[in-house]
Amino acid sequence: QVQLVESGGGLVQAGGSLRLSCAVSGITIDINDMGWYRQAPGKQRELVAAISSGGRTNYADSLKGRFTISRDSAKNTVNLQMNSLKPEDPAVYYCNAGGGYISDGYYPSVYWGQGTQVTVSS
């Protein structure tokens, strides 16, 4: 059974940083592609970042340089470091496991976490 549990969300001032984590069980992240998505109220869920089993990464164009996806193989965890947070970044952030990484995106699988809320105050 695949389970994903996100953590690390919260309230931060604009310009601040947060580090989200996604603890994965049931699959090994080293041999799977992983992704982070976000969904703001009234908007569609959008891809934030993805990492392939080989370690390649890609990001939404608007987030390049501010967000960094990484994985901790020992903990079977995928992280999202978010810096210089802006008022347009608040959303529920979701982790996805076992999808398909492509050079300019990521196809999600059916495996999602419950999400973690990120709020940015101006």
Protein backbone atom coordinates (compact mmCIF):
# COMPACT_ATOMS: atom_id res chain seq x y z
CA GLN A 1 0.00 0.00 0.00
CA VAL A 2 1.45 3.33 -1.07
CA GLN A 3 1.15 6.19 1.42
CA LEU A 4 2.41 9.74 1.20
CA VAL A 5 2.40 12.15 4.12
CA GLU A 6 3.29 15.79 3.57
CA SER A 7 4.48 18.09 6.33
CA GLY A 8 6.18 21.43 6.80
CA GLY A 9 3.48 23.80 5.68
CA GLY A 10 2.46 26.82 7.70
CA LEU A 11 2.32 30.59 7.80
CA VAL A 12 5.33 32.58 6.67
CA GLN A 13 5.95 36.21 5.80
CA ALA A 14 6.55 37.21 2.22
CA GLY A 15 10.21 36.74 1.44
CA GLY A 16 10.54 33.91 3.92
CA SER A 17 11.22 30.22 3.43
CA LEU A 18 9.59 26.89 4.12
CA ARG A 19 10.74 23.33 3.63
CA LEU A 20 8.08 20.77 2.81
CA SER A 21 8.64 17.06 3.24
CA CYS A 22 6.82 14.07 1.81
CA ALA A 23 7.35 10.83 3.67
CA VAL A 24 6.69 7.90 1.36
CA SER A 25 5.93 4.30 2.23
CA GLY A 26 5.08 1.38 0.01
CA ILE A 27 7.45 2.33 -2.81
CA THR A 28 11.11 3.27 -3.01
CA ILE A 29 11.59 6.82 -4.19
CA ASP A 30 15.04 6.13 -5.65
CA ILE A 31 13.54 4.06 -8.45
CA ASN A 32 10.47 6.20 -9.00
CA ASP A 33 9.74 9.63 -10.35
CA MET A 34 8.22 12.08 -7.90
CA GLY A 35 6.42 15.38 -8.10
CA TRP A 36 5.14 18.27 -6.05
CA TYR A 37 1.94 20.05 -7.04
CA ARG A 38 -0.04 22.91 -5.57
CA GLN A 39 -3.64 24.00 -5.72
CA ALA A 40 -4.88 27.43 -4.75
CA PRO A 41 -8.59 28.11 -4.10
CA GLY A 42 -10.55 28.27 -7.32
CA LYS A 43 -7.61 27.15 -9.42
CA GLN A 44 -6.51 23.91 -11.00
CA ARG A 45 -3.81 21.81 -9.44
CA GLU A 46 -0.49 22.69 -11.05
CA LEU A 47 2.92 21.10 -11.18
CA VAL A 48 5.52 22.80 -9.02
CA ALA A 49 8.54 20.53 -9.42
CA ALA A 50 9.49 16.98 -10.32
CA ILE A 51 12.47 14.72 -9.82
CA SER A 52 13.23 11.63 -11.84
CA SER A 53 14.57 8.35 -10.53
CA GLY A 54 17.88 9.38 -12.06
CA GLY A 55 17.95 12.68 -10.22
CA ARG A 56 16.94 15.03 -13.01
CA THR A 57 14.70 17.89 -11.98
CA ASN A 58 12.32 20.31 -13.59
CA TYR A 59 10.28 23.21 -12.32
CA ALA A 60 7.38 25.40 -13.25
CA ASP A 61 8.88 28.32 -15.15
CA SER A 62 7.62 30.87 -12.63
CA LEU A 63 9.29 29.05 -9.76
CA LYS A 64 12.74 28.39 -11.15
CA GLY A 65 15.41 29.76 -8.87
CA ARG A 66 13.16 29.93 -5.80
CA PHE A 67 12.08 26.32 -5.26
CA THR A 68 14.29 23.24 -5.06
CA ILE A 69 13.15 19.63 -5.07
CA SER A 70 15.37 16.96 -3.55
CA ARG A 71 15.15 13.52 -2.05
CA ASP A 72 16.52 11.85 1.03
CA SER A 73 16.98 8.21 0.12
CA ALA A 74 17.74 7.11 3.67
CA LYS A 75 14.40 8.48 4.86
CA ASN A 76 12.50 7.71 1.63
CA THR A 77 11.42 11.33 1.66
CA VAL A 78 11.06 13.98 -1.03
CA ASN A 79 11.57 17.58 -0.02
CA LEU A 80 10.63 20.94 -1.47
CA GLN A 81 12.66 23.92 -0.34
CA MET A 82 10.76 27.13 -0.99
CA ASN A 83 12.59 30.45 -0.73
CA SER A 84 11.58 34.04 -1.33
CA LEU A 85 7.93 33.15 -0.91
CA LYS A 86 5.49 35.51 -2.57
CA PRO A 87 1.85 36.41 -2.01
CA GLU A 88 0.93 34.27 -5.06
CA ASP A 89 2.47 31.11 -3.58
CA PRO A 90 -0.22 30.21 -0.98
CA ALA A 91 -1.89 26.91 -1.78
CA VAL A 92 -2.25 23.38 -0.61
CA TYR A 93 0.89 21.57 -1.67
CA TYR A 94 0.63 17.91 -2.65
CA CYS A 95 3.18 15.20 -3.21
CA ASN A 96 2.80 12.61 -5.96
CA ALA A 97 4.71 9.35 -6.28
CA GLY A 98 5.44 7.03 -9.14
CA GLY A 99 4.34 9.22 -12.01
CA GLY A 100 6.21 9.84 -15.24
CA TYR A 101 8.99 12.39 -15.50
CA ILE A 102 9.52 14.12 -18.83
CA SER A 103 11.97 16.84 -19.72
CA ASP A 104 9.43 19.64 -19.41
CA GLY A 105 6.94 18.20 -16.99
CA TYR A 106 5.58 15.23 -15.11
CA TYR A 107 2.58 12.94 -15.44
CA PRO A 108 1.06 12.23 -12.02
CA SER A 109 0.17 8.79 -10.78
CA VAL A 110 -2.85 7.91 -8.67
CA TYR A 111 -0.76 8.18 -5.50
CA TRP A 112 -1.26 11.47 -3.71
CA GLY A 113 -0.71 12.73 -0.21
CA GLN A 114 -3.32 14.64 1.75
CA GLY A 115 -1.59 17.97 1.20
CA THR A 116 -0.07 20.62 3.42
CA GLN A 117 -1.24 24.23 3.56
CA VAL A 118 1.16 27.07 2.82
CA THR A 119 0.09 30.59 3.70
CA VAL A 120 2.10 33.73 2.96
CA SER A 121 1.44 36.99 4.73
CA SER A 122 2.35 40.27 3.08
